[in-house]
Amino acid sequence: MEEYISLFENVIKKTIPNVDYIDIRAGMSDNTSILMKDGNVDEINTGMSLGARIRVLNNGAWGFAYTTDLSKLDEITDTAIKLSNSLTGDVELSESEVIKDKMEVDVRIPFKDISIEEKKEILKEANDAATIEKVNSTTVSYSDGEINELFMNSEGSEIQTKTSKVRMALNASATNGEIIQFGHGSLGGVKGFEVIADADIEEFGRNIGEKAVRLLDAEAAPSGRFPVIADPELTGVLIHEALGHAAEGDLILQNDSILKGKIGEKIASDIVNIFDDASKKDGFGYYPYDVEGVRTKPNQLVKDGKLISLLNSRETSSKFGMKSSGNARSIIADKPIVRMSNTYLQPGDNTFEELIEDIPDGIYLKGSRGGQVDTGKGIFQFNAAEGYLIKNGEISTPLRDVSLSGNILETLKNIDAIGNDFKLSVGFCGKDGQTVPVGDGGPHTKILNALVGGMG
């Protein structure tokens, strides 16, 4: 993107006398995706794309325009100025460091070094390993992408980044003729093809197939209040959905968060420490700078049970009298909004055995099959992928179709013990019609008096 620097400089120079602020973000990406159903390749997409967006702030209002043709930069700049001039607003930006940087993520095996045929073979290996007895259908998806980006603004920042991202996911369904159950798993990272090459693909596929088959013989879960152990994946979903979304500055400003006005207040038990950290390189939500050119760093949201920080962009942080936390995110064609990155519960010091040893009658929940949260009312419901009864400190009967629901703040205050292990999951998060890659996770977590529902 080096060749566009002087072009963007000219646009900024010409525009700044007419506006309060301007930034330009452009990117060139090279992507491949493959979808395999029941062992047959369903579709392959490869392609390169180029795009740029201009954002101007004038008299408290944004103007935003996007193009895939960089010869039209002047045209979209005029469009953005007209849009901002036609609106009135109260947008102000918090102060931000002026940064000049050029960086790229470490890649051991570039995606272009691996042929489509080789990629298909790996999908087939995962598919075949998952297709054990009683598994009746599988879907394997793969995507990789390399993007070169350039960000410049009228304050003097100039940031070039080159990132690579890869993900592979597998779904398997199994049936015994009466019921159908599912297994799911994914792996990925902000790295090169080494993420896939270093993984044991046969084991990855087999585990997912075995999970689907295992659930056919599991019992329907009981309903009621129980002490619960959430595995790292479900802990991550709880932290992401229940706390992460509620800590987003834009939702708080829209009066749509249970955390409004709660900075400095106790919202969880003393042992709870929660972070959002876009700078965490092993997380799927890793990025060194957000889309407003703000450098990322670990952001502790909850410290010893107290809410001490929020997730913000430069716009939302100015309303709170804070600095941006570097959580403005979007693809180039979309307007930046406040998003999570890698959100997790910090590990404690208990072994798994210590977490379950004093539970006479409880439930161990593993994995996630999605769920929903109402950040305004502060309530949530998640479905675990699988569960087990805990009887007198021992894992016993397998359970299926089990959900966990409750009040966000009550549940956070009921976190009673935290494991010493840690895992971040690979996922995507949707908000306002936009999707971004995220990591969420933590250790095994013990929650008292949790509301569990069986689906019979």
Protein backbone atom coordinates (compact mmCIF):
# COMPACT_ATOMS: atom_id res chain seq x y z
CA MET A 1 0.00 0.00 0.00
CA GLU A 2 3.12 2.17 0.06
CA GLU A 3 2.29 3.54 -3.40
CA TYR A 4 -0.91 5.17 -2.12
CA ILE A 5 0.65 7.24 0.66
CA SER A 6 1.25 10.39 -1.41
CA LEU A 7 -2.20 10.07 -3.02
CA PHE A 8 -3.85 9.97 0.43
CA GLU A 9 -1.66 12.80 1.70
CA ASN A 10 -2.93 15.01 -1.12
CA VAL A 11 -6.56 14.14 -0.39
CA ILE A 12 -6.09 14.97 3.30
CA LYS A 13 -4.25 18.24 2.49
CA LYS A 14 -7.03 19.36 0.10
CA THR A 15 -9.84 18.38 2.45
CA ILE A 16 -8.69 19.54 5.89
CA PRO A 17 -9.47 23.28 5.33
CA ASN A 18 -13.14 22.27 4.84
CA VAL A 19 -13.60 19.79 7.72
CA ASP A 20 -12.59 19.28 11.37
CA TYR A 21 -11.07 15.83 10.82
CA ILE A 22 -10.55 13.27 8.06
CA ASP A 23 -9.23 9.74 7.98
CA ILE A 24 -8.66 7.32 5.11
CA ARG A 25 -8.49 3.56 5.35
CA ALA A 26 -7.62 1.36 2.38
CA GLY A 27 -6.89 -2.31 1.99
CA MET A 28 -6.00 -4.97 -0.52
CA SER A 29 -6.96 -8.52 0.38
CA ASP A 30 -6.38 -11.96 -1.10
CA ASN A 31 -8.88 -14.55 0.14
CA THR A 32 -9.67 -18.23 -0.35
CA SER A 33 -12.62 -20.17 1.02
CA ILE A 34 -13.61 -23.80 0.55
CA LEU A 35 -16.81 -25.53 1.64
CA MET A 36 -17.09 -29.33 1.77
CA LYS A 37 -20.33 -31.19 2.48
CA ASP A 38 -20.36 -34.91 3.19
CA GLY A 39 -16.89 -35.30 1.67
CA ASN A 40 -17.62 -33.43 -1.57
CA VAL A 41 -16.38 -29.92 -2.33
CA ASP A 42 -19.45 -27.71 -2.58
CA GLU A 43 -17.78 -24.43 -3.44
CA ILE A 44 -14.39 -22.77 -3.78
CA ASN A 45 -13.99 -19.01 -3.81
CA THR A 46 -10.74 -17.17 -4.39
CA GLY A 47 -10.20 -13.55 -5.20
CA MET A 48 -8.52 -10.27 -4.57
CA SER A 49 -10.28 -7.10 -3.52
CA LEU A 50 -9.27 -3.50 -3.15
CA GLY A 51 -11.23 -0.81 -1.35
CA ALA A 52 -10.92 2.54 0.35
CA ARG A 53 -13.12 4.58 2.61
CA ILE A 54 -13.08 8.23 3.56
CA ARG A 55 -14.50 9.45 6.84
CA VAL A 56 -14.86 13.14 7.62
CA LEU A 57 -16.06 14.85 10.78
CA ASN A 58 -17.50 18.32 10.50
CA ASN A 59 -19.65 20.27 12.95
CA GLY A 60 -20.15 17.17 15.09
CA ALA A 61 -21.42 14.93 12.27
CA TRP A 62 -19.79 12.10 10.31
CA GLY A 63 -19.74 11.72 6.56
CA PHE A 64 -18.66 8.33 5.24
CA ALA A 65 -18.07 7.02 1.70
CA TYR A 66 -16.48 3.92 0.20
CA THR A 67 -15.16 2.87 -3.20
CA THR A 68 -13.44 -0.07 -4.86
CA ASP A 69 -11.93 2.28 -7.46
CA LEU A 70 -9.09 4.37 -6.06
CA SER A 71 -9.29 6.81 -8.98
CA LYS A 72 -12.57 7.96 -7.38
CA LEU A 73 -11.04 9.15 -4.10
CA ASP A 74 -11.85 12.81 -4.82
CA GLU A 75 -15.41 11.86 -5.68
CA ILE A 76 -16.03 9.91 -2.46
CA THR A 77 -14.35 12.66 -0.44
CA ASP A 78 -16.89 15.15 -1.84
CA THR A 79 -19.68 12.72 -1.02
CA ALA A 80 -18.45 12.32 2.58
CA ILE A 81 -18.20 16.13 3.02
CA LYS A 82 -21.72 16.65 1.62
CA LEU A 83 -23.09 13.98 3.97
CA SER A 84 -21.46 15.49 7.05
CA ASN A 85 -22.65 18.98 6.08
CA SER A 86 -26.23 17.76 5.69
CA LEU A 87 -26.29 16.47 9.27
CA THR A 88 -25.95 17.97 12.71
CA GLY A 89 -24.45 16.03 15.57
CA ASP A 90 -22.54 16.12 18.82
CA VAL A 91 -19.61 13.88 17.87
CA GLU A 92 -16.26 14.71 19.41
CA LEU A 93 -13.11 12.59 19.34
CA SER A 94 -10.97 11.81 22.36
CA GLU A 95 -7.28 12.58 22.02
CA SER A 96 -5.17 9.91 20.39
CA GLU A 97 -1.46 9.34 19.91
CA VAL A 98 -0.08 10.21 16.46
CA ILE A 99 1.47 7.00 15.14
CA LYS A 100 3.73 6.24 12.20
CA ASP A 101 4.28 2.51 11.93
CA LYS A 102 4.68 -0.34 9.49
CA MET A 103 4.21 -3.87 10.78
CA GLU A 104 3.25 -7.37 9.71
CA VAL A 105 2.25 -10.49 11.60
CA ASP A 106 4.68 -13.40 11.76
CA VAL A 107 3.90 -16.00 9.11
CA ARG A 108 5.84 -19.24 8.79
CA ILE A 109 3.87 -20.76 5.89
CA PRO A 110 2.27 -18.23 3.50
CA PHE A 111 -1.15 -19.30 2.17
CA LYS A 112 0.03 -18.95 -1.43
CA ASP A 113 2.60 -21.72 -0.81
CA ILE A 114 -0.19 -24.25 -0.28
CA SER A 115 -2.20 -25.27 -3.35
CA ILE A 116 -6.01 -25.48 -3.43
CA GLU A 117 -5.60 -29.25 -3.89
CA GLU A 118 -3.57 -29.54 -0.68
CA LYS A 119 -6.15 -27.48 1.20
CA LYS A 120 -8.95 -29.74 -0.14
CA GLU A 121 -7.02 -32.83 1.00
CA ILE A 122 -6.84 -31.50 4.56
CA LEU A 123 -10.59 -30.81 4.58
CA LYS A 124 -11.16 -34.35 3.30
CA GLU A 125 -8.94 -35.75 6.08
CA ALA A 126 -11.00 -33.91 8.72
CA ASN A 127 -14.24 -35.04 7.08
CA ASP A 128 -13.19 -38.70 6.89
CA ALA A 129 -11.99 -38.72 10.51
CA ALA A 130 -15.38 -37.33 11.67
CA THR A 131 -17.41 -39.79 9.57
CA ILE A 132 -17.60 -42.60 12.10
CA GLU A 133 -20.56 -44.96 12.66
CA LYS A 134 -23.88 -43.10 13.19
CA VAL A 135 -22.50 -39.82 11.78
CA ASN A 136 -24.87 -39.08 8.89
CA SER A 137 -23.66 -35.68 7.69
CA THR A 138 -20.62 -33.39 7.87
CA THR A 139 -19.76 -29.86 6.79
CA VAL A 140 -16.18 -28.59 6.74
CA SER A 141 -15.40 -24.97 5.98
CA TYR A 142 -12.03 -23.34 5.43
CA SER A 143 -11.05 -19.72 4.87
CA ASP A 144 -7.79 -17.86 4.68
CA GLY A 145 -6.96 -14.27 3.88
CA GLU A 146 -4.05 -11.89 3.68
CA ILE A 147 -4.74 -8.18 3.89
CA ASN A 148 -2.48 -5.17 3.42
CA GLU A 149 -3.96 -2.06 5.00
CA LEU A 150 -3.07 1.61 5.14
CA PHE A 151 -4.59 4.09 7.61
CA MET A 152 -3.91 7.82 7.53
CA ASN A 153 -5.56 10.75 9.27
CA SER A 154 -5.38 14.54 9.39
CA GLU A 155 -3.63 14.38 12.78
CA GLY A 156 -0.56 12.84 11.15
CA SER A 157 -0.93 9.11 11.76
CA GLU A 158 0.27 6.77 9.02
CA ILE A 159 -0.03 3.04 9.74
CA GLN A 160 0.66 0.17 7.37
CA THR A 161 -0.26 -3.35 8.47
CA LYS A 162 -0.07 -6.75 6.83
CA THR A 163 -2.06 -9.50 8.52
CA SER A 164 -2.92 -13.11 7.72
CA LYS A 165 -5.85 -15.02 9.18
CA VAL A 166 -6.98 -18.63 8.79
CA ARG A 167 -9.85 -20.71 10.16
CA MET A 168 -11.21 -24.21 9.68
CA ALA A 169 -14.49 -25.40 11.19
CA LEU A 170 -16.26 -28.74 11.17
CA ASN A 171 -19.85 -29.69 12.00
CA ALA A 172 -20.96 -33.31 12.27
CA SER A 173 -24.47 -34.62 12.86
CA ALA A 174 -25.23 -38.11 14.15
CA THR A 175 -28.50 -40.01 14.39
CA ASN A 176 -29.75 -43.26 15.90
CA GLY A 177 -32.98 -43.13 13.88
CA GLU A 178 -34.86 -41.30 16.62
CA ILE A 179 -32.88 -38.20 17.50
CA ILE A 180 -30.16 -36.11 15.87
CA GLN A 181 -27.20 -34.63 17.77
CA PHE A 182 -24.36 -32.39 16.66
CA GLY A 183 -20.64 -31.95 17.20
CA HIS A 184 -18.75 -28.79 16.31
CA GLY A 185 -15.16 -27.60 16.46
CA SER A 186 -12.92 -24.97 14.92
CA LEU A 187 -9.30 -23.93 14.83
CA GLY A 188 -7.61 -20.83 13.51
CA GLY A 189 -5.35 -17.91 14.20
CA VAL A 190 -3.91 -14.61 13.01
CA LYS A 191 -0.96 -16.39 11.43
CA GLY A 192 -0.14 -18.35 8.29
CA PHE A 193 -1.04 -21.88 7.19
CA GLU A 194 1.11 -23.27 10.01
CA VAL A 195 -2.01 -23.09 12.24
CA ILE A 196 -3.52 -25.90 10.13
CA ALA A 197 -0.25 -27.68 9.27
CA ASP A 198 0.71 -27.99 12.97
CA ALA A 199 -2.70 -29.33 14.05
CA ASP A 200 -3.57 -33.02 14.34
CA ILE A 201 -6.36 -32.94 11.74
CA GLU A 202 -7.31 -36.60 12.18
CA GLU A 203 -7.79 -36.09 15.92
CA PHE A 204 -9.64 -32.80 15.35
CA GLY A 205 -12.16 -34.50 13.04
CA ARG A 206 -12.52 -37.68 15.11
CA ASN A 207 -13.24 -35.74 18.32
CA ILE A 208 -16.07 -33.85 16.65
CA GLY A 209 -17.64 -37.00 15.21
CA GLU A 210 -17.30 -38.77 18.55
CA LYS A 211 -18.96 -35.85 20.36
CA ALA A 212 -22.02 -36.04 18.07
CA VAL A 213 -22.32 -39.82 18.57
CA ARG A 214 -21.73 -39.60 22.35
CA LEU A 215 -24.67 -37.20 22.69
CA LEU A 216 -27.09 -39.76 21.19
CA ASP A 217 -26.81 -41.81 24.39
CA ALA A 218 -26.80 -38.84 26.75
CA GLU A 219 -29.76 -38.21 29.02
CA ALA A 220 -32.00 -35.15 28.90
CA ALA A 221 -30.75 -32.59 31.41
CA PRO A 222 -32.62 -31.84 34.63
CA SER A 223 -34.02 -28.35 35.25
CA GLY A 224 -33.41 -26.27 38.34
CA ARG A 225 -30.67 -24.45 40.23
CA PHE A 226 -27.35 -26.23 40.56
CA PRO A 227 -23.68 -25.51 41.17
CA VAL A 228 -22.22 -25.55 37.67
CA ILE A 229 -18.73 -25.98 36.25
CA ALA A 230 -18.37 -24.23 32.87
CA ASP A 231 -15.51 -25.39 30.65
CA PRO A 232 -13.16 -22.76 29.08
CA GLU A 233 -15.30 -22.49 25.93
CA LEU A 234 -18.56 -21.88 27.79
CA THR A 235 -16.78 -19.57 30.25
CA GLY A 236 -15.65 -17.56 27.23
CA VAL A 237 -19.17 -17.38 25.80
CA LEU A 238 -20.50 -16.24 29.18
CA ILE A 239 -17.84 -13.51 29.51
CA HIS A 240 -18.27 -12.40 25.88
CA GLU A 241 -22.07 -12.35 25.80
CA ALA A 242 -22.92 -11.39 29.37
CA LEU A 243 -20.16 -8.93 30.25
CA GLY A 244 -18.41 -7.99 26.99
CA HIS A 245 -21.43 -6.69 25.07
CA ALA A 246 -22.74 -4.85 28.13
CA ALA A 247 -19.35 -3.05 28.44
CA GLU A 248 -19.52 -1.64 24.89
CA GLY A 249 -19.56 2.15 25.14
CA ASP A 250 -22.09 2.68 22.35
CA LEU A 251 -24.65 0.36 24.00
CA ILE A 252 -24.19 2.17 27.32
CA LEU A 253 -24.75 5.55 25.59
CA GLN A 254 -27.90 4.11 23.97
CA ASN A 255 -29.24 3.18 27.45
CA ASP A 256 -29.07 -0.45 26.41
CA SER A 257 -26.71 -1.84 29.03
CA ILE A 258 -27.06 -3.10 32.58
CA LEU A 259 -23.60 -1.58 33.23
CA LYS A 260 -24.66 2.05 32.68
CA GLY A 261 -23.35 4.22 35.54
CA LYS A 262 -21.61 1.27 37.20
CA ILE A 263 -17.91 2.20 36.74
CA GLY A 264 -16.20 1.67 40.10
CA GLU A 265 -19.03 -0.54 41.36
CA LYS A 266 -18.86 -4.17 42.39
CA ILE A 267 -20.50 -6.25 39.65
CA ALA A 268 -18.91 -9.67 40.25
CA SER A 269 -17.34 -11.74 43.00
CA ASP A 270 -13.90 -10.69 44.34
CA ILE A 271 -12.03 -13.36 42.38
CA VAL A 272 -13.29 -12.15 38.98
CA ASN A 273 -10.82 -10.37 36.67
CA ILE A 274 -11.91 -9.83 33.07
CA PHE A 275 -9.84 -8.50 30.17
CA ASP A 276 -10.36 -7.50 26.57
CA ASP A 277 -6.99 -7.63 24.82
CA ALA A 278 -6.67 -7.02 21.08
CA SER A 279 -2.86 -7.11 21.42
CA LYS A 280 -2.93 -10.81 22.42
CA LYS A 281 -1.21 -12.41 19.44
CA ASP A 282 -2.51 -15.94 20.02
CA GLY A 283 -6.14 -14.76 19.99
CA PHE A 284 -8.35 -14.87 16.89
CA GLY A 285 -9.41 -11.30 17.71
CA TYR A 286 -5.82 -9.99 17.52
CA TYR A 287 -5.08 -6.66 15.81
CA PRO A 288 -2.21 -4.24 16.59
CA TYR A 289 -4.19 -1.06 15.76
CA ASP A 290 -7.93 -0.51 15.59
CA VAL A 291 -9.57 1.06 12.52
CA GLU A 292 -9.10 4.56 13.97
CA GLY A 293 -5.33 4.05 14.29
CA VAL A 294 -5.39 3.51 18.06
CA ARG A 295 -2.66 1.19 19.36
CA THR A 296 -4.11 -1.80 21.24
CA LYS A 297 -3.11 -3.05 24.67
CA PRO A 298 -4.64 -5.19 27.44
CA ASN A 299 -7.76 -3.50 28.80
CA GLN A 300 -8.90 -4.78 32.19
CA LEU A 301 -12.68 -4.39 32.38
CA VAL A 302 -13.26 -5.99 35.78
CA LYS A 303 -10.70 -5.99 38.60
CA ASP A 304 -11.36 -8.02 41.76
CA GLY A 305 -15.07 -7.89 40.94
CA LYS A 306 -15.24 -4.14 40.23
CA LEU A 307 -16.05 -2.63 36.84
CA ILE A 308 -13.05 -0.39 36.12
CA SER A 309 -13.11 0.16 32.34
CA LEU A 310 -15.23 -0.03 29.19
CA LEU A 311 -14.81 -0.81 25.51
CA ASN A 312 -14.65 2.39 23.49
CA SER A 313 -13.92 4.10 20.20
CA ARG A 314 -12.56 7.66 20.04
CA GLU A 315 -16.15 8.90 19.68
CA THR A 316 -17.71 6.99 22.59
CA SER A 317 -14.71 7.48 24.90
CA SER A 318 -14.96 11.28 24.56
CA LYS A 319 -18.50 11.09 26.02
CA PHE A 320 -17.13 9.27 29.09
CA GLY A 321 -14.09 11.53 29.47
CA MET A 322 -11.84 8.56 28.73
CA LYS A 323 -9.30 7.64 26.06
CA SER A 324 -10.21 5.14 23.35
CA SER A 325 -9.51 1.54 24.32
CA GLY A 326 -8.82 0.67 20.67
CA ASN A 327 -12.11 -1.16 20.11
CA ALA A 328 -13.34 0.60 16.95
CA ARG A 329 -13.65 -2.21 14.39
CA SER A 330 -15.23 -2.91 11.00
CA ILE A 331 -14.39 -4.12 7.54
CA ILE A 332 -13.28 -1.24 5.29
CA ALA A 333 -16.70 -0.87 3.63
CA ASP A 334 -18.55 -0.48 6.96
CA LYS A 335 -18.67 2.28 9.53
CA PRO A 336 -16.51 1.62 12.61
CA ILE A 337 -18.44 0.58 15.71
CA VAL A 338 -17.37 -0.55 19.18
CA ARG A 339 -16.48 -4.25 19.19
CA MET A 340 -14.75 -6.78 21.43
CA SER A 341 -11.43 -8.41 20.49
CA ASN A 342 -10.07 -11.20 22.75
CA THR A 343 -12.27 -11.20 25.84
CA TYR A 344 -11.54 -13.55 28.71
CA LEU A 345 -11.72 -14.39 32.38
CA GLN A 346 -8.27 -14.44 33.99
CA PRO A 347 -7.34 -17.90 35.36
CA GLY A 348 -7.27 -18.63 39.09
CA ASP A 349 -5.37 -21.32 40.95
CA ASN A 350 -7.72 -24.29 41.27
CA THR A 351 -7.23 -27.63 39.54
CA PHE A 352 -10.29 -29.17 37.87
CA GLU A 353 -10.43 -31.78 40.67
CA GLU A 354 -10.52 -29.03 43.30
CA LEU A 355 -13.39 -27.29 41.48
CA ILE A 356 -15.63 -30.36 41.56
CA GLU A 357 -14.52 -32.16 44.76
CA ASP A 358 -17.04 -30.54 47.14
CA ILE A 359 -20.05 -30.60 44.74
CA PRO A 360 -22.53 -33.27 45.92
CA ASP A 361 -25.04 -32.62 43.12
CA GLY A 362 -24.09 -30.38 40.19
CA ILE A 363 -23.60 -30.13 36.44
CA TYR A 364 -20.49 -29.85 34.25
CA LEU A 365 -21.20 -27.90 31.05
CA LYS A 366 -18.93 -28.16 28.00
CA GLY A 367 -18.85 -26.17 24.78
CA SER A 368 -21.41 -23.82 23.33
CA ARG A 369 -24.22 -24.05 20.82
CA GLY A 370 -24.91 -20.32 20.89
CA GLY A 371 -27.36 -18.24 22.84
CA GLN A 372 -28.64 -14.75 23.31
CA VAL A 373 -28.29 -11.84 25.70
CA ASP A 374 -30.39 -8.79 26.47
CA THR A 375 -27.78 -6.25 27.65
CA GLY A 376 -30.46 -3.73 28.63
CA LYS A 377 -32.38 -6.11 30.89
CA GLY A 378 -29.21 -7.91 31.94
CA ILE A 379 -30.41 -11.43 31.20
CA PHE A 380 -28.93 -14.23 29.08
CA GLN A 381 -29.47 -17.79 27.91
CA PHE A 382 -26.82 -20.08 26.40
CA ASN A 383 -27.00 -23.64 25.19
CA ALA A 384 -24.11 -25.90 26.12
CA ALA A 385 -22.88 -28.42 23.55
CA GLU A 386 -22.85 -31.20 26.16
CA GLY A 387 -23.02 -31.74 29.90
CA TYR A 388 -22.42 -34.24 32.68
CA LEU A 389 -23.95 -34.72 36.10
CA ILE A 390 -21.54 -34.22 38.99
CA LYS A 391 -22.27 -36.62 41.87
CA ASN A 392 -20.27 -36.39 45.11
CA GLY A 393 -17.31 -34.73 43.42
CA GLU A 394 -17.22 -37.15 40.47
CA ILE A 395 -18.21 -36.68 36.81
CA SER A 396 -21.04 -39.10 35.99
CA THR A 397 -24.02 -39.33 33.59
CA PRO A 398 -23.66 -37.57 30.18
CA LEU A 399 -26.37 -34.96 29.43
CA ARG A 400 -27.66 -33.40 26.21
CA ASP A 401 -29.76 -30.35 25.30
CA VAL A 402 -28.81 -28.36 28.38
CA SER A 403 -29.04 -24.60 28.77
CA LEU A 404 -27.71 -22.06 31.26
CA SER A 405 -29.65 -18.86 31.86
CA GLY A 406 -29.87 -16.08 34.37
CA ASN A 407 -29.21 -12.53 35.37
CA ILE A 408 -25.79 -11.22 34.27
CA LEU A 409 -24.80 -9.50 37.53
CA GLU A 410 -26.20 -12.24 39.76
CA THR A 411 -24.29 -14.90 37.80
CA LEU A 412 -21.00 -12.93 37.90
CA LYS A 413 -21.42 -12.56 41.67
CA ASN A 414 -22.01 -16.33 41.94
CA ILE A 415 -18.60 -17.20 40.46
CA ASP A 416 -17.18 -19.14 43.39
CA ALA A 417 -13.88 -20.62 42.15
CA ILE A 418 -11.72 -20.31 39.04
CA GLY A 419 -9.52 -22.95 37.40
CA ASN A 420 -5.82 -22.63 36.61
CA ASP A 421 -6.15 -23.71 32.97
CA PHE A 422 -6.84 -21.39 30.03
CA LYS A 423 -8.11 -21.63 26.46
CA LEU A 424 -9.26 -19.07 23.89
CA SER A 425 -11.84 -20.12 21.32
CA VAL A 426 -11.90 -19.11 17.66
CA GLY A 427 -15.09 -17.32 16.69
CA PHE A 428 -17.01 -14.51 15.07
CA CYS A 429 -19.27 -11.92 16.64
CA GLY A 430 -22.20 -10.16 14.99
CA LYS A 431 -23.49 -6.69 15.87
CA ASP A 432 -25.55 -4.20 13.85
CA GLY A 433 -25.24 -6.40 10.78
CA GLN A 434 -21.42 -6.44 10.97
CA THR A 435 -19.26 -9.48 11.75
CA VAL A 436 -15.72 -9.49 13.16
CA PRO A 437 -13.33 -12.27 14.25
CA VAL A 438 -13.00 -12.61 18.03
CA GLY A 439 -11.40 -14.78 20.66
CA ASP A 440 -13.15 -15.54 23.93
CA GLY A 441 -12.29 -17.88 26.74
CA GLY A 442 -10.88 -18.42 30.16
CA PRO A 443 -10.42 -21.35 32.52
CA HIS A 444 -12.90 -23.85 34.00
CA THR A 445 -15.20 -21.81 36.23
CA LYS A 446 -17.43 -22.77 39.16
CA ILE A 447 -20.75 -20.89 39.38
CA LEU A 448 -23.09 -21.40 42.34
CA ASN A 449 -26.86 -21.51 42.15
CA ALA A 450 -26.94 -21.40 38.33
CA LEU A 451 -30.25 -21.83 36.53
CA VAL A 452 -30.02 -24.90 34.28
CA GLY A 453 -32.76 -25.94 31.88
CA GLY A 454 -33.23 -29.26 30.14
CA MET A 455 -35.09 -29.45 26.84
CA GLY A 456 -36.61 -32.79 27.66
